[in-house]
Amino acid sequence: MNFTPTRINVFNFFKLPSVWWCGIRVTKIDHISCQVKVVHRWINQNPFKSMFWAVQGMAAELTTGVLIMEAIQNSKRKVSMLVLNNRANFSKKARGKVLFECDEKQKLLKAMNQLIKTQQPQTIWLTSKGIDQNGDIVSTFEFEWTLLLKN
């Protein structure tokens, strides 16, 4: 699969429908980062007139997971990926349009190269930040991913 925003969004419709129905859309994938947007609306609200924390988590995880999926495909190896841990910080109510971005692709590629070179499982922490229309950080998520070569 070519890793373009359109193809990932179609993939999400069929394989991760909760991502799709909550309004999370990939907007950018390049040699540095992956970015997604989500707009606060009825389907993803909480009782406090802001975006439900788990929707923010889905958006943040997607930015890291897409980068890993692309790196796995480019490696031409069979690699399993799994979130082992995550941490989150919520610094402001998420309202309106929020962009989540993980810009740690180079860090990920180093871990992938180490995985292939040593054939030993690797763990990597990747960070995604959610920024609202005013440029304020609304949440920061960190995900610890495990990468394992399959036979």
N, C-alpha and C. Protein backbone atom coordinates (compact mmCIF):
# COMPACT_ATOMS: atom_id res chain seq x y z
N MET A 1 0.84 -1.18 0.00
CA MET A 1 0.00 0.00 0.00
C MET A 1 0.89 1.24 0.00
N ASN A 2 0.55 2.20 -0.83
CA ASN A 2 1.20 3.50 -0.77
C ASN A 2 0.67 4.24 0.45
N PHE A 3 1.57 4.82 1.19
CA PHE A 3 1.17 5.53 2.40
C PHE A 3 0.88 6.98 2.07
N THR A 4 -0.36 7.22 1.65
CA THR A 4 -0.85 8.56 1.40
C THR A 4 -2.01 8.80 2.37
N PRO A 5 -2.30 10.05 2.67
CA PRO A 5 -3.44 10.31 3.56
C PRO A 5 -4.74 9.65 3.08
N THR A 6 -5.02 9.73 1.80
CA THR A 6 -6.26 9.14 1.28
C THR A 6 -6.30 7.64 1.51
N ARG A 7 -5.22 6.95 1.20
CA ARG A 7 -5.21 5.49 1.38
C ARG A 7 -5.32 5.09 2.84
N ILE A 8 -4.65 5.82 3.71
CA ILE A 8 -4.74 5.51 5.14
C ILE A 8 -6.16 5.77 5.64
N ASN A 9 -6.79 6.84 5.18
CA ASN A 9 -8.16 7.14 5.61
C ASN A 9 -9.14 6.07 5.13
N VAL A 10 -8.95 5.56 3.92
CA VAL A 10 -9.80 4.46 3.43
C VAL A 10 -9.54 3.20 4.26
N PHE A 11 -8.27 2.91 4.54
CA PHE A 11 -7.91 1.79 5.40
C PHE A 11 -8.63 1.92 6.75
N ASN A 12 -8.61 3.10 7.32
CA ASN A 12 -9.25 3.33 8.61
C ASN A 12 -10.76 3.06 8.55
N PHE A 13 -11.39 3.44 7.46
CA PHE A 13 -12.83 3.21 7.31
C PHE A 13 -13.16 1.73 7.46
N PHE A 14 -12.34 0.87 6.85
CA PHE A 14 -12.61 -0.56 6.86
C PHE A 14 -12.00 -1.29 8.06
N LYS A 15 -10.83 -0.88 8.52
CA LYS A 15 -10.12 -1.63 9.56
C LYS A 15 -10.18 -0.98 10.95
N LEU A 16 -10.37 0.32 11.01
CA LEU A 16 -10.47 1.05 12.28
C LEU A 16 -11.68 1.98 12.23
N PRO A 17 -12.88 1.41 12.13
CA PRO A 17 -14.06 2.26 11.91
C PRO A 17 -14.31 3.28 13.02
N SER A 18 -13.92 2.97 14.25
CA SER A 18 -14.14 3.96 15.32
C SER A 18 -13.32 5.22 15.07
N VAL A 19 -12.13 5.06 14.50
CA VAL A 19 -11.32 6.22 14.12
C VAL A 19 -12.07 7.05 13.09
N TRP A 20 -12.60 6.37 12.08
CA TRP A 20 -13.31 7.06 11.00
C TRP A 20 -14.54 7.79 11.53
N TRP A 21 -15.39 7.09 12.28
CA TRP A 21 -16.65 7.68 12.72
C TRP A 21 -16.45 8.81 13.72
N CYS A 22 -15.33 8.81 14.44
CA CYS A 22 -15.04 9.93 15.36
C CYS A 22 -14.48 11.14 14.63
N GLY A 23 -14.24 11.01 13.33
CA GLY A 23 -13.80 12.15 12.53
C GLY A 23 -12.30 12.34 12.44
N ILE A 24 -11.54 11.33 12.79
CA ILE A 24 -10.08 11.44 12.74
C ILE A 24 -9.63 11.17 11.31
N ARG A 25 -8.85 12.10 10.74
CA ARG A 25 -8.38 11.96 9.36
C ARG A 25 -6.89 12.27 9.28
N VAL A 26 -6.17 11.41 8.56
CA VAL A 26 -4.76 11.67 8.29
C VAL A 26 -4.69 12.80 7.27
N THR A 27 -3.86 13.80 7.54
CA THR A 27 -3.73 14.94 6.63
C THR A 27 -2.35 15.02 5.98
N LYS A 28 -1.34 14.38 6.61
CA LYS A 28 0.02 14.50 6.07
C LYS A 28 0.86 13.32 6.51
N ILE A 29 1.63 12.78 5.56
CA ILE A 29 2.66 11.78 5.86
C ILE A 29 3.86 12.17 5.00
N ASP A 30 5.00 12.37 5.63
CA ASP A 30 6.20 12.69 4.86
C ASP A 30 7.43 12.04 5.49
N HIS A 31 8.62 12.47 5.08
CA HIS A 31 9.87 11.86 5.54
C HIS A 31 10.20 12.20 6.99
N ILE A 32 9.41 13.07 7.60
CA ILE A 32 9.67 13.49 8.99
C ILE A 32 8.54 13.08 9.92
N SER A 33 7.30 13.18 9.46
CA SER A 33 6.18 13.10 10.40
C SER A 33 4.90 12.56 9.78
N CYS A 34 3.94 12.33 10.67
CA CYS A 34 2.56 12.03 10.29
C CYS A 34 1.67 12.97 11.09
N GLN A 35 0.68 13.53 10.42
CA GLN A 35 -0.24 14.47 11.06
C GLN A 35 -1.67 14.03 10.80
N VAL A 36 -2.51 14.13 11.84
CA VAL A 36 -3.94 13.87 11.68
C VAL A 36 -4.71 15.04 12.27
N LYS A 37 -5.95 15.18 11.81
CA LYS A 37 -6.82 16.22 12.38
C LYS A 37 -8.08 15.56 12.91
N VAL A 38 -8.64 16.19 13.91
CA VAL A 38 -9.93 15.79 14.43
C VAL A 38 -10.63 17.06 14.91
N VAL A 39 -11.91 17.15 14.59
CA VAL A 39 -12.70 18.32 14.96
C VAL A 39 -13.68 17.92 16.06
N HIS A 40 -13.72 18.74 17.12
CA HIS A 40 -14.67 18.49 18.21
C HIS A 40 -16.08 18.62 17.67
N ARG A 41 -16.86 17.56 17.86
CA ARG A 41 -18.25 17.56 17.42
C ARG A 41 -19.04 16.59 18.30
N TRP A 42 -20.30 16.44 18.02
CA TRP A 42 -21.19 15.65 18.86
C TRP A 42 -20.67 14.23 19.08
N ILE A 43 -20.22 13.56 18.04
CA ILE A 43 -19.83 12.15 18.13
C ILE A 43 -18.61 11.91 19.02
N ASN A 44 -17.77 12.92 19.21
CA ASN A 44 -16.54 12.71 20.00
C ASN A 44 -16.48 13.61 21.25
N GLN A 45 -17.63 14.07 21.69
CA GLN A 45 -17.67 14.98 22.84
C GLN A 45 -17.65 14.23 24.18
N ASN A 46 -17.31 14.95 25.21
CA ASN A 46 -17.48 14.47 26.58
C ASN A 46 -18.52 15.37 27.26
N PRO A 47 -18.91 15.10 28.49
CA PRO A 47 -19.93 15.94 29.15
C PRO A 47 -19.46 17.35 29.50
N PHE A 48 -18.18 17.64 29.28
CA PHE A 48 -17.61 18.93 29.68
C PHE A 48 -17.41 19.88 28.50
N LYS A 49 -18.14 19.62 27.42
CA LYS A 49 -18.12 20.47 26.23
C LYS A 49 -16.75 20.54 25.57
N SER A 50 -16.06 19.42 25.58
CA SER A 50 -14.77 19.32 24.88
C SER A 50 -14.63 17.90 24.34
N MET A 51 -13.52 17.63 23.68
CA MET A 51 -13.29 16.35 23.04
C MET A 51 -12.94 15.28 24.07
N PHE A 52 -13.57 14.13 23.93
CA PHE A 52 -13.32 12.99 24.82
C PHE A 52 -11.85 12.60 24.74
N TRP A 53 -11.26 12.30 25.89
CA TRP A 53 -9.82 12.01 25.95
C TRP A 53 -9.43 10.82 25.07
N ALA A 54 -10.30 9.81 24.98
CA ALA A 54 -9.95 8.62 24.21
C ALA A 54 -9.90 8.91 22.71
N VAL A 55 -10.68 9.85 22.25
CA VAL A 55 -10.62 10.26 20.84
C VAL A 55 -9.27 10.92 20.57
N GLN A 56 -8.83 11.76 21.50
CA GLN A 56 -7.50 12.35 21.36
C GLN A 56 -6.44 11.26 21.34
N GLY A 57 -6.61 10.24 22.18
CA GLY A 57 -5.66 9.13 22.22
C GLY A 57 -5.62 8.36 20.91
N MET A 58 -6.80 8.13 20.31
CA MET A 58 -6.83 7.44 19.01
C MET A 58 -6.08 8.25 17.96
N ALA A 59 -6.33 9.54 17.94
CA ALA A 59 -5.66 10.40 16.95
C ALA A 59 -4.16 10.40 17.16
N ALA A 60 -3.74 10.52 18.41
CA ALA A 60 -2.31 10.54 18.71
C ALA A 60 -1.65 9.21 18.37
N GLU A 61 -2.29 8.10 18.76
CA GLU A 61 -1.71 6.79 18.46
C GLU A 61 -1.60 6.58 16.95
N LEU A 62 -2.59 7.04 16.21
CA LEU A 62 -2.57 6.88 14.76
C LEU A 62 -1.34 7.54 14.14
N THR A 63 -0.96 8.72 14.65
CA THR A 63 0.22 9.39 14.08
C THR A 63 1.48 8.56 14.25
N THR A 64 1.59 7.85 15.36
CA THR A 64 2.77 7.01 15.60
C THR A 64 2.65 5.69 14.85
N GLY A 65 1.46 5.10 14.89
CA GLY A 65 1.26 3.80 14.25
C GLY A 65 1.43 3.83 12.74
N VAL A 66 0.97 4.89 12.09
CA VAL A 66 1.13 5.00 10.64
C VAL A 66 2.61 5.04 10.27
N LEU A 67 3.40 5.80 11.04
CA LEU A 67 4.84 5.85 10.76
C LEU A 67 5.47 4.47 10.89
N ILE A 68 5.06 3.71 11.90
CA ILE A 68 5.60 2.37 12.08
C ILE A 68 5.17 1.45 10.95
N MET A 69 3.90 1.50 10.57
CA MET A 69 3.41 0.66 9.48
C MET A 69 4.18 0.94 8.19
N GLU A 70 4.43 2.21 7.92
CA GLU A 70 5.17 2.57 6.72
C GLU A 70 6.61 2.06 6.79
N ALA A 71 7.25 2.19 7.94
CA ALA A 71 8.62 1.71 8.11
C ALA A 71 8.69 0.20 7.95
N ILE A 72 7.70 -0.51 8.47
CA ILE A 72 7.67 -1.97 8.31
C ILE A 72 7.53 -2.33 6.84
N GLN A 73 6.62 -1.68 6.15
CA GLN A 73 6.44 -1.99 4.72
C GLN A 73 7.73 -1.71 3.95
N ASN A 74 8.37 -0.59 4.22
CA ASN A 74 9.60 -0.25 3.50
C ASN A 74 10.75 -1.19 3.82
N SER A 75 10.72 -1.82 4.99
CA SER A 75 11.79 -2.75 5.37
C SER A 75 11.68 -4.08 4.64
N LYS A 76 10.50 -4.36 4.09
CA LYS A 76 10.22 -5.61 3.40
C LYS A 76 10.43 -6.82 4.32
N ARG A 77 10.23 -6.61 5.60
CA ARG A 77 10.31 -7.67 6.62
C ARG A 77 8.96 -7.81 7.28
N LYS A 78 8.75 -8.97 7.88
CA LYS A 78 7.54 -9.17 8.68
C LYS A 78 7.87 -8.77 10.11
N VAL A 79 7.19 -7.75 10.58
CA VAL A 79 7.46 -7.20 11.91
C VAL A 79 6.12 -7.04 12.64
N SER A 80 6.08 -7.50 13.88
CA SER A 80 4.88 -7.24 14.68
C SER A 80 5.09 -5.95 15.46
N MET A 81 4.01 -5.23 15.65
CA MET A 81 4.04 -3.95 16.38
C MET A 81 2.92 -3.97 17.40
N LEU A 82 3.23 -3.51 18.60
CA LEU A 82 2.24 -3.53 19.66
C LEU A 82 2.55 -2.42 20.65
N VAL A 83 1.50 -1.72 21.08
CA VAL A 83 1.69 -0.71 22.13
C VAL A 83 1.83 -1.44 23.46
N LEU A 84 2.93 -1.16 24.15
CA LEU A 84 3.21 -1.77 25.45
C LEU A 84 2.72 -0.86 26.58
N ASN A 85 2.97 0.44 26.45
CA ASN A 85 2.58 1.43 27.46
C ASN A 85 2.21 2.73 26.78
N ASN A 86 1.49 3.56 27.51
CA ASN A 86 1.29 4.93 27.04
C ASN A 86 1.12 5.86 28.23
N ARG A 87 1.45 7.12 27.98
CA ARG A 87 1.29 8.19 28.97
C ARG A 87 0.62 9.36 28.26
N ALA A 88 -0.16 10.10 29.02
CA ALA A 88 -0.84 11.25 28.43
C ALA A 88 -0.87 12.41 29.41
N ASN A 89 -0.83 13.62 28.84
CA ASN A 89 -0.95 14.84 29.61
C ASN A 89 -1.96 15.73 28.90
N PHE A 90 -2.93 16.23 29.64
CA PHE A 90 -3.96 17.08 29.07
C PHE A 90 -3.80 18.48 29.66
N SER A 91 -3.42 19.43 28.83
CA SER A 91 -3.08 20.76 29.32
C SER A 91 -4.16 21.81 29.06
N LYS A 92 -5.14 21.47 28.22
CA LYS A 92 -6.19 22.43 27.88
C LYS A 92 -7.37 21.64 27.30
N LYS A 93 -8.59 22.16 27.47
CA LYS A 93 -9.74 21.50 26.85
C LYS A 93 -9.57 21.51 25.34
N ALA A 94 -9.86 20.38 24.73
CA ALA A 94 -9.75 20.26 23.27
C ALA A 94 -11.09 20.62 22.65
N ARG A 95 -11.10 21.75 21.96
CA ARG A 95 -12.29 22.22 21.27
C ARG A 95 -11.90 22.65 19.87
N GLY A 96 -12.87 22.63 18.96
CA GLY A 96 -12.57 23.02 17.58
C GLY A 96 -11.70 21.99 16.90
N LYS A 97 -10.87 22.45 15.97
CA LYS A 97 -9.99 21.54 15.22
C LYS A 97 -8.68 21.36 15.98
N VAL A 98 -8.28 20.10 16.13
CA VAL A 98 -7.02 19.78 16.79
C VAL A 98 -6.18 18.95 15.82
N LEU A 99 -4.92 19.35 15.65
CA LEU A 99 -3.97 18.60 14.83
C LEU A 99 -3.02 17.85 15.74
N PHE A 100 -2.90 16.54 15.51
CA PHE A 100 -1.94 15.72 16.23
C PHE A 100 -0.81 15.39 15.28
N GLU A 101 0.42 15.48 15.79
CA GLU A 101 1.57 15.20 14.93
C GLU A 101 2.65 14.47 15.71
N CYS A 102 3.20 13.44 15.07
CA CYS A 102 4.40 12.77 15.56
C CYS A 102 5.48 13.07 14.53
N ASP A 103 6.57 13.71 14.98
CA ASP A 103 7.65 14.08 14.07
C ASP A 103 8.94 13.33 14.39
N GLU A 104 8.80 12.08 14.84
CA GLU A 104 9.96 11.30 15.26
C GLU A 104 10.27 10.14 14.32
N LYS A 105 10.04 10.36 13.03
CA LYS A 105 10.28 9.28 12.06
C LYS A 105 11.74 8.84 12.04
N GLN A 106 12.67 9.76 12.16
CA GLN A 106 14.09 9.39 12.14
C GLN A 106 14.44 8.52 13.34
N LYS A 107 13.90 8.84 14.49
CA LYS A 107 14.10 8.02 15.70
C LYS A 107 13.56 6.61 15.46
N LEU A 108 12.40 6.51 14.84
CA LEU A 108 11.79 5.22 14.52
C LEU A 108 12.66 4.43 13.55
N LEU A 109 13.18 5.09 12.52
CA LEU A 109 14.00 4.39 11.53
C LEU A 109 15.27 3.82 12.15
N LYS A 110 15.83 4.52 13.13
CA LYS A 110 17.00 3.99 13.84
C LYS A 110 16.64 2.71 14.58
N ALA A 111 15.48 2.69 15.23
CA ALA A 111 15.03 1.50 15.94
C ALA A 111 14.76 0.35 14.96
N MET A 112 14.18 0.65 13.81
CA MET A 112 13.93 -0.38 12.80
C MET A 112 15.24 -0.96 12.28
N ASN A 113 16.22 -0.09 12.02
CA ASN A 113 17.53 -0.58 11.56
C ASN A 113 18.18 -1.46 12.61
N GLN A 114 18.06 -1.08 13.87
CA GLN A 114 18.61 -1.88 14.97
C GLN A 114 17.90 -3.23 15.06
N LEU A 115 16.60 -3.24 14.86
CA LEU A 115 15.82 -4.47 14.87
C LEU A 115 16.31 -5.43 13.80
N ILE A 116 16.50 -4.92 12.60
CA ILE A 116 16.93 -5.75 11.48
C ILE A 116 18.37 -6.21 11.67
N LYS A 117 19.21 -5.32 12.14
CA LYS A 117 20.63 -5.63 12.33
C LYS A 117 20.84 -6.69 13.41
N THR A 118 20.18 -6.52 14.56
CA THR A 118 20.42 -7.42 15.69
C THR A 118 19.43 -8.57 15.77
N GLN A 119 18.30 -8.44 15.08
CA GLN A 119 17.20 -9.40 15.14
C GLN A 119 16.70 -9.58 16.57
N GLN A 120 16.88 -8.56 17.38
CA GLN A 120 16.40 -8.55 18.77
C GLN A 120 15.22 -7.59 18.86
N PRO A 121 14.21 -7.94 19.66
CA PRO A 121 13.06 -7.04 19.83
C PRO A 121 13.52 -5.65 20.27
N GLN A 122 12.82 -4.66 19.79
CA GLN A 122 13.13 -3.27 20.12
C GLN A 122 11.90 -2.62 20.74
N THR A 123 12.13 -1.70 21.65
CA THR A 123 11.05 -0.85 22.15
C THR A 123 11.43 0.59 21.86
N ILE A 124 10.42 1.37 21.58
CA ILE A 124 10.65 2.78 21.27
C ILE A 124 9.47 3.60 21.78
N TRP A 125 9.80 4.74 22.40
CA TRP A 125 8.78 5.70 22.82
C TRP A 125 8.64 6.75 21.72
N LEU A 126 7.41 6.94 21.24
CA LEU A 126 7.11 7.98 20.26
C LEU A 126 6.08 8.93 20.85
N THR A 127 6.26 10.21 20.56
CA THR A 127 5.41 11.27 21.13
C THR A 127 4.56 11.92 20.05
N SER A 128 3.32 12.21 20.39
CA SER A 128 2.42 12.94 19.52
C SER A 128 1.79 14.07 20.32
N LYS A 129 1.81 15.25 19.75
CA LYS A 129 1.23 16.43 20.41
C LYS A 129 -0.01 16.89 19.66
N GLY A 130 -1.03 17.26 20.43
CA GLY A 130 -2.25 17.82 19.87
C GLY A 130 -2.26 19.32 20.05
N ILE A 131 -2.43 20.04 18.94
CA ILE A 131 -2.39 21.50 18.96
C ILE A 131 -3.69 22.04 18.37
N ASP A 132 -4.31 22.99 19.08
CA ASP A 132 -5.58 23.55 18.61
C ASP A 132 -5.35 24.70 17.63
N GLN A 133 -6.47 25.32 17.18
CA GLN A 133 -6.38 26.40 16.19
C GLN A 133 -5.62 27.61 16.68
N ASN A 134 -5.53 27.78 17.99
CA ASN A 134 -4.80 28.92 18.55
C ASN A 134 -3.31 28.65 18.71
N GLY A 135 -2.89 27.44 18.35
CA GLY A 135 -1.49 27.07 18.50
C GLY A 135 -1.13 26.56 19.88
N ASP A 136 -2.13 26.33 20.71
CA ASP A 136 -1.89 25.84 22.07
C ASP A 136 -1.88 24.31 22.10
N ILE A 137 -0.99 23.73 22.88
CA ILE A 137 -0.97 22.29 23.06
C ILE A 137 -2.12 21.91 23.98
N VAL A 138 -3.00 21.02 23.50
CA VAL A 138 -4.12 20.56 24.32
C VAL A 138 -3.80 19.24 25.00
N SER A 139 -2.98 18.41 24.35
CA SER A 139 -2.59 17.14 24.96
C SER A 139 -1.31 16.63 24.32
N THR A 140 -0.59 15.84 25.10
CA THR A 140 0.63 15.20 24.64
C THR A 140 0.54 13.73 25.03
N PHE A 141 0.74 12.87 24.05
CA PHE A 141 0.69 11.43 24.28
C PHE A 141 2.05 10.83 23.95
N GLU A 142 2.46 9.87 24.78
CA GLU A 142 3.66 9.10 24.51
C GLU A 142 3.26 7.63 24.47
N PHE A 143 3.73 6.94 23.45
CA PHE A 143 3.42 5.52 23.27
C PHE A 143 4.71 4.73 23.22
N GLU A 144 4.78 3.68 24.04
CA GLU A 144 5.91 2.76 23.98
C GLU A 144 5.50 1.59 23.08
N TRP A 145 6.15 1.51 21.94
CA TRP A 145 5.87 0.45 20.97
C TRP A 145 6.93 -0.64 21.08
N THR A 146 6.50 -1.88 20.90
CA THR A 146 7.44 -2.99 20.79
C THR A 146 7.45 -3.44 19.34
N LEU A 147 8.64 -3.71 18.84
CA LEU A 147 8.83 -4.19 17.47
C LEU A 147 9.53 -5.53 17.54
N LEU A 148 9.00 -6.51 16.82
CA LEU A 148 9.54 -7.86 16.87
C LEU A 148 9.56 -8.46 15.47
N LEU A 149 10.71 -8.96 15.03
CA LEU A 149 10.79 -9.64 13.74
C LEU A 149 10.05 -10.96 13.82
N LYS A 150 9.25 -11.24 12.80
CA LYS A 150 8.54 -12.52 12.72
C LYS A 150 9.27 -13.41 11.72
N ASN A 151 9.13 -14.71 11.90
CA ASN A 151 9.74 -15.66 10.95
C ASN A 151 8.90 -15.86 9.72
